[in-house]
Amino acid sequence: MTATIERGSATAPVTSPAKAPKPSAKPSTPKKSGGFLGSSNGKKAVMAVTGAILVLFLLLHMTGNLKIFLSKASFDEYAHFLRVMGEPLVPYRTVLTLTEVVLFASVVLHMWAAISLARRAAKARPVKYAVKKSQAKGYTTHIMRFGGITIALFVIWHLLDLTFGVVNPAGFDSNPSQRLIDGFQPGRWWVTVFYVVAVVMVGLHLRHGLWSMFQTLGWSNGSRYRTLNAVATLISAVLVIGFLAVPFAVMTGVVK
C-alpha cells in the first residue's frame, strides 16, 4: 500500500523583474558649444589674424610719423590724406572711420582670445606645479598683463592728445604737425616718458606675440630657432626705434 503525500508550495511566488531598458546603440556624448571659435585653435586663429592686422597698422603708422623728418608740410599732407582717402567715391573720412572700427574690433577680439586661452589653461591645470615657474616665464606674464593695461591707457591719451587735441597745448584747430611738436616739448617731458614706456611695452608684447606664433605654427624647431628669434626681435626693435625717433627729435630740437 502506498501513501500519497501532498506537498505544499515549495517556494513563495516570485514576481518577474522589470525589464531593463535596452542600451542605445551609441553612447550619448556631450555636445561641444561654441563651434570653431570656442575651441583653442579657433581662439589662436583669432589672435593670429587680429595680431597681424595690428602689426600692419603699427608699421604704416610708424612710416607716416617719420614723414615729420621730411618737413612739417609732408606730415600734414599725410594726415590730410588719411581723411580724404576714397574721395569722391565715399564721403570725407569714411575710409579712416572704417579703419578705426576694424582696429578697435581687432583689439577687443585680440584681448578676448588672449584672456579666454589663459583661463582655459588655468582650468586645465588647477593644481600648481611643485616646481616654481622660471623667472623668464613669470617676467613674460607680467609684461603681457600689465603691458596691455599700459598700452590701453596710452592709446586713450594719445587720441585725446594728438588726434582730438583735447589735452594738447596747440588745440584741435592747429595743424597735425604743430600738435605733434607741441605735444613733445621739453616742458611736457612726462608725456614723452609715458610715450616711451608704452612703446617699449608694445615692442615687448610684439616680440612675445611673434615668437608665440612661430611656436604655434611649429616653425621654431631645430636650426630655425635662432633665425626666427632674431626675426621677432628685429621687427620689434625697428618699431620701437621708429616710434621713439619722433619724440626724441622734438625733445632735442632736431624737429622744430
Protein backbone atom coordinates (compact mmCIF):
# COMPACT_ATOMS: atom_id res chain seq x y z
CA MET A 1 0.00 0.00 0.00
CA THR A 2 1.36 3.26 -0.91
CA ALA A 3 0.71 6.58 0.79
CA THR A 4 0.20 9.72 -1.10
CA ILE A 5 1.95 12.75 0.44
CA GLU A 6 0.60 16.15 -0.54
CA ARG A 7 3.29 18.75 -0.85
CA GLY A 8 2.72 22.37 -0.20
CA SER A 9 4.10 25.14 -2.15
CA ALA A 10 7.87 24.77 -2.04
CA THR A 11 8.65 28.40 -2.83
CA ALA A 12 6.88 31.68 -2.50
CA PRO A 13 5.55 33.23 -5.63
CA VAL A 14 8.25 35.16 -7.42
CA THR A 15 7.48 38.27 -9.43
CA SER A 16 9.32 38.68 -12.68
CA PRO A 17 11.82 41.58 -12.65
CA ALA A 18 11.04 44.70 -14.61
CA LYS A 19 12.56 44.73 -18.00
CA ALA A 20 15.72 46.86 -18.14
CA PRO A 21 15.83 49.47 -20.88
CA LYS A 22 17.72 48.42 -23.92
CA PRO A 23 21.09 50.15 -24.22
CA SER A 24 21.27 52.62 -27.03
CA ALA A 25 23.43 51.76 -29.98
CA LYS A 26 25.74 54.75 -29.46
CA PRO A 27 26.57 56.30 -26.06
CA SER A 28 25.49 59.91 -25.86
CA THR A 29 28.35 62.38 -25.71
CA PRO A 30 28.09 65.99 -24.56
CA LYS A 31 27.97 68.37 -27.42
CA LYS A 32 30.67 70.96 -27.63
CA SER A 33 29.39 74.51 -27.65
CA GLY A 34 30.92 77.47 -29.37
CA GLY A 35 31.99 75.80 -32.59
CA PHE A 36 35.38 76.63 -34.04
CA LEU A 37 35.70 79.95 -32.20
CA GLY A 38 35.00 78.17 -28.93
CA SER A 39 37.98 75.87 -29.41
CA SER A 40 41.58 76.62 -28.53
CA ASN A 41 42.58 76.51 -32.19
CA GLY A 42 39.83 78.98 -33.04
CA LYS A 43 40.94 81.41 -30.37
CA LYS A 44 44.55 81.09 -31.52
CA ALA A 45 43.43 81.83 -35.07
CA VAL A 46 41.61 84.95 -33.86
CA MET A 47 44.76 86.08 -32.05
CA ALA A 48 46.89 85.48 -35.13
CA VAL A 49 44.60 87.35 -37.54
CA THR A 50 43.96 90.31 -35.25
CA GLY A 51 47.63 90.43 -34.30
CA ALA A 52 48.61 90.61 -37.98
CA ILE A 53 46.15 93.48 -38.51
CA LEU A 54 47.59 95.40 -35.57
CA VAL A 55 51.20 94.83 -36.66
CA LEU A 56 50.37 96.09 -40.17
CA PHE A 57 48.76 99.18 -38.64
CA LEU A 58 51.82 99.83 -36.49
CA LEU A 59 54.15 99.61 -39.49
CA LEU A 60 52.02 102.02 -41.53
CA HIS A 61 51.56 104.38 -38.60
CA MET A 62 55.29 104.45 -37.90
CA THR A 63 56.04 105.19 -41.56
CA GLY A 64 53.59 108.09 -41.51
CA ASN A 65 55.10 109.52 -38.33
CA LEU A 66 58.59 109.52 -39.85
CA LYS A 67 57.39 111.97 -42.51
CA ILE A 68 57.92 114.72 -39.94
CA PHE A 69 61.65 114.38 -40.68
CA LEU A 70 60.99 115.42 -44.31
CA SER A 71 59.03 118.52 -43.40
CA LYS A 72 56.01 119.68 -41.49
CA ALA A 73 54.16 120.10 -44.78
CA SER A 74 54.84 116.47 -45.70
CA PHE A 75 53.48 115.30 -42.36
CA ASP A 76 50.36 117.46 -42.72
CA GLU A 77 49.76 116.11 -46.23
CA TYR A 78 49.95 112.58 -44.85
CA ALA A 79 47.46 113.43 -42.08
CA HIS A 80 45.12 115.06 -44.62
CA PHE A 81 45.36 112.05 -46.94
CA LEU A 82 44.11 109.76 -44.17
CA ARG A 83 40.89 111.78 -44.01
CA VAL A 84 40.22 112.10 -47.75
CA MET A 85 41.01 108.50 -48.75
CA GLY A 86 38.36 107.22 -51.13
CA GLU A 87 37.01 110.62 -52.15
CA PRO A 88 34.94 111.36 -54.16
CA LEU A 89 33.70 107.75 -54.22
CA VAL A 90 32.94 107.86 -50.48
CA PRO A 91 32.39 110.84 -48.16
CA TYR A 92 35.10 112.59 -46.20
CA ARG A 93 36.77 110.42 -43.51
CA THR A 94 34.76 107.30 -44.38
CA VAL A 95 37.76 105.04 -45.01
CA LEU A 96 39.54 106.33 -41.90
CA THR A 97 36.45 105.72 -39.76
CA LEU A 98 36.09 102.17 -41.10
CA THR A 99 39.77 101.58 -40.41
CA GLU A 100 39.33 102.78 -36.83
CA VAL A 101 36.36 100.42 -36.38
CA VAL A 102 38.40 97.47 -37.68
CA LEU A 103 41.30 98.36 -35.38
CA PHE A 104 39.01 98.68 -32.37
CA ALA A 105 37.36 95.33 -33.15
CA SER A 106 40.79 93.74 -33.62
CA VAL A 107 41.96 94.97 -30.21
CA VAL A 108 38.79 93.71 -28.48
CA LEU A 109 38.93 90.31 -30.18
CA HIS A 110 42.66 90.00 -29.54
CA MET A 111 42.15 90.65 -25.82
CA TRP A 112 39.14 88.30 -25.69
CA ALA A 113 41.10 85.46 -27.27
CA ALA A 114 44.10 86.01 -25.01
CA ILE A 115 42.01 86.08 -21.82
CA SER A 116 39.96 83.05 -22.90
CA LEU A 117 43.07 80.99 -23.63
CA ALA A 118 44.64 81.99 -20.32
CA ARG A 119 41.52 80.96 -18.39
CA ARG A 120 41.27 77.69 -20.27
CA ALA A 121 44.91 76.90 -19.49
CA ALA A 122 44.32 77.67 -15.79
CA LYS A 123 41.29 75.36 -15.64
CA ALA A 124 43.18 72.56 -17.36
CA ARG A 125 45.89 72.79 -14.70
CA PRO A 126 44.07 73.57 -11.43
CA VAL A 127 46.90 72.26 -9.23
CA LYS A 128 50.04 74.32 -9.37
CA TYR A 129 53.28 72.56 -10.11
CA ALA A 130 55.56 71.87 -7.18
CA VAL A 131 58.42 73.24 -9.23
CA LYS A 132 58.45 77.01 -9.39
CA LYS A 133 58.00 78.68 -12.73
CA SER A 134 61.08 80.09 -14.35
CA GLN A 135 61.82 83.76 -13.82
CA ALA A 136 61.67 84.34 -17.58
CA LYS A 137 58.15 82.93 -17.86
CA GLY A 138 56.96 84.96 -14.88
CA TYR A 139 58.54 88.08 -16.36
CA THR A 140 56.77 87.50 -19.66
CA THR A 141 53.43 87.00 -17.91
CA HIS A 142 53.75 90.32 -16.09
CA ILE A 143 54.80 92.10 -19.27
CA MET A 144 51.82 90.79 -21.22
CA ARG A 145 49.36 91.53 -18.41
CA PHE A 146 50.45 94.97 -17.20
CA GLY A 147 51.82 95.94 -20.60
CA GLY A 148 48.35 95.51 -22.09
CA ILE A 149 46.86 97.85 -19.46
CA THR A 150 49.61 100.42 -20.05
CA ILE A 151 49.10 100.30 -23.81
CA ALA A 152 45.33 100.71 -23.45
CA LEU A 153 45.74 103.79 -21.22
CA PHE A 154 48.31 105.24 -23.60
CA VAL A 155 46.06 104.80 -26.66
CA ILE A 156 43.31 106.78 -24.89
CA TRP A 157 45.76 109.57 -24.01
CA HIS A 158 47.32 109.51 -27.47
CA LEU A 159 43.92 110.04 -29.12
CA LEU A 160 43.00 112.87 -26.75
CA ASP A 161 46.40 114.49 -27.27
CA LEU A 162 47.36 114.22 -30.94
CA THR A 163 44.11 113.23 -32.68
CA PHE A 164 41.43 115.29 -30.95
CA GLY A 165 43.74 117.91 -29.40
CA VAL A 166 41.76 117.96 -26.15
CA VAL A 167 44.85 117.84 -23.92
CA ASN A 168 47.30 119.24 -26.47
CA PRO A 169 48.69 122.78 -25.99
CA ALA A 170 48.12 123.61 -29.68
CA GLY A 171 44.45 122.58 -29.59
CA PHE A 172 42.31 120.81 -32.16
CA ASP A 173 42.26 123.66 -34.72
CA SER A 174 46.05 123.55 -35.20
CA ASN A 175 47.88 121.59 -37.89
CA PRO A 176 48.72 117.94 -37.07
CA SER A 177 52.44 118.72 -37.27
CA GLN A 178 52.07 121.55 -34.78
CA ARG A 179 50.16 119.33 -32.37
CA LEU A 180 52.93 116.74 -32.70
CA ILE A 181 55.70 119.26 -31.97
CA ASP A 182 53.87 120.98 -29.13
CA GLY A 183 52.90 117.64 -27.62
CA PHE A 184 56.52 116.54 -27.13
CA GLN A 185 58.08 119.80 -25.99
CA PRO A 186 60.71 119.51 -23.20
CA GLY A 187 58.26 121.12 -20.77
CA ARG A 188 55.99 118.13 -21.24
CA TRP A 189 58.73 115.60 -20.51
CA TRP A 190 56.30 113.42 -18.57
CA VAL A 191 54.29 112.87 -21.78
CA THR A 192 57.44 111.68 -23.52
CA VAL A 193 58.25 109.33 -20.62
CA PHE A 194 54.73 107.87 -20.82
CA TYR A 195 55.15 107.51 -24.59
CA VAL A 196 58.49 105.73 -24.20
CA VAL A 197 57.13 103.28 -21.62
CA ALA A 198 54.08 102.48 -23.76
CA VAL A 199 56.11 101.99 -26.94
CA VAL A 200 58.61 99.71 -25.18
CA MET A 201 55.68 97.70 -23.84
CA VAL A 202 54.32 97.43 -27.38
CA GLY A 203 57.71 96.17 -28.55
CA LEU A 204 57.93 93.53 -25.81
CA HIS A 205 54.33 92.49 -26.45
CA LEU A 206 55.02 92.21 -30.17
CA ARG A 207 58.24 90.27 -29.58
CA HIS A 208 56.44 87.72 -27.42
CA GLY A 209 53.47 87.54 -29.79
CA LEU A 210 55.61 86.85 -32.84
CA TRP A 211 57.62 84.19 -31.04
CA SER A 212 54.42 82.52 -29.79
CA MET A 213 53.08 82.50 -33.33
CA PHE A 214 56.25 80.84 -34.63
CA GLN A 215 55.97 78.18 -31.92
CA THR A 216 52.27 77.57 -32.62
CA LEU A 217 52.99 77.08 -36.32
CA GLY A 218 55.80 74.67 -35.47
CA TRP A 219 58.47 76.79 -37.13
CA SER A 220 60.72 77.29 -34.11
CA ASN A 221 62.31 73.86 -34.13
CA GLY A 222 65.86 72.86 -34.89
CA SER A 223 68.11 75.19 -36.84
CA ARG A 224 65.39 77.81 -37.35
CA TYR A 225 65.21 78.64 -33.64
CA ARG A 226 67.88 81.34 -33.66
CA THR A 227 66.78 82.78 -37.01
CA LEU A 228 63.15 83.20 -36.02
CA ASN A 229 64.15 84.52 -32.62
CA ALA A 230 66.24 87.16 -34.36
CA VAL A 231 63.40 88.00 -36.77
CA ALA A 232 60.94 88.57 -33.91
CA THR A 233 63.47 90.72 -32.05
CA LEU A 234 64.39 92.72 -35.17
CA ILE A 235 60.79 93.56 -36.12
CA SER A 236 60.04 94.67 -32.57
CA ALA A 237 63.22 96.75 -32.36
CA VAL A 238 62.51 98.51 -35.69
CA LEU A 239 59.05 99.52 -34.50
CA VAL A 240 60.28 100.74 -31.13
CA ILE A 241 63.13 102.78 -32.63
CA GLY A 242 60.90 104.17 -35.38
CA PHE A 243 58.23 105.36 -32.96
CA LEU A 244 60.68 106.78 -30.41
CA ALA A 245 62.69 108.68 -33.02
CA VAL A 246 59.99 111.37 -33.35
CA PRO A 247 59.58 112.44 -29.70
CA PHE A 248 63.33 112.36 -29.12
CA ALA A 249 63.85 114.53 -32.21
CA VAL A 250 61.36 117.07 -30.89
CA MET A 251 62.83 116.99 -27.37
CA THR A 252 66.35 117.60 -28.69
CA GLY A 253 65.34 120.31 -31.17
CA VAL A 254 66.09 118.31 -34.32
CA VAL A 255 62.45 118.80 -35.34
CA LYS A 256 61.13 122.29 -34.66
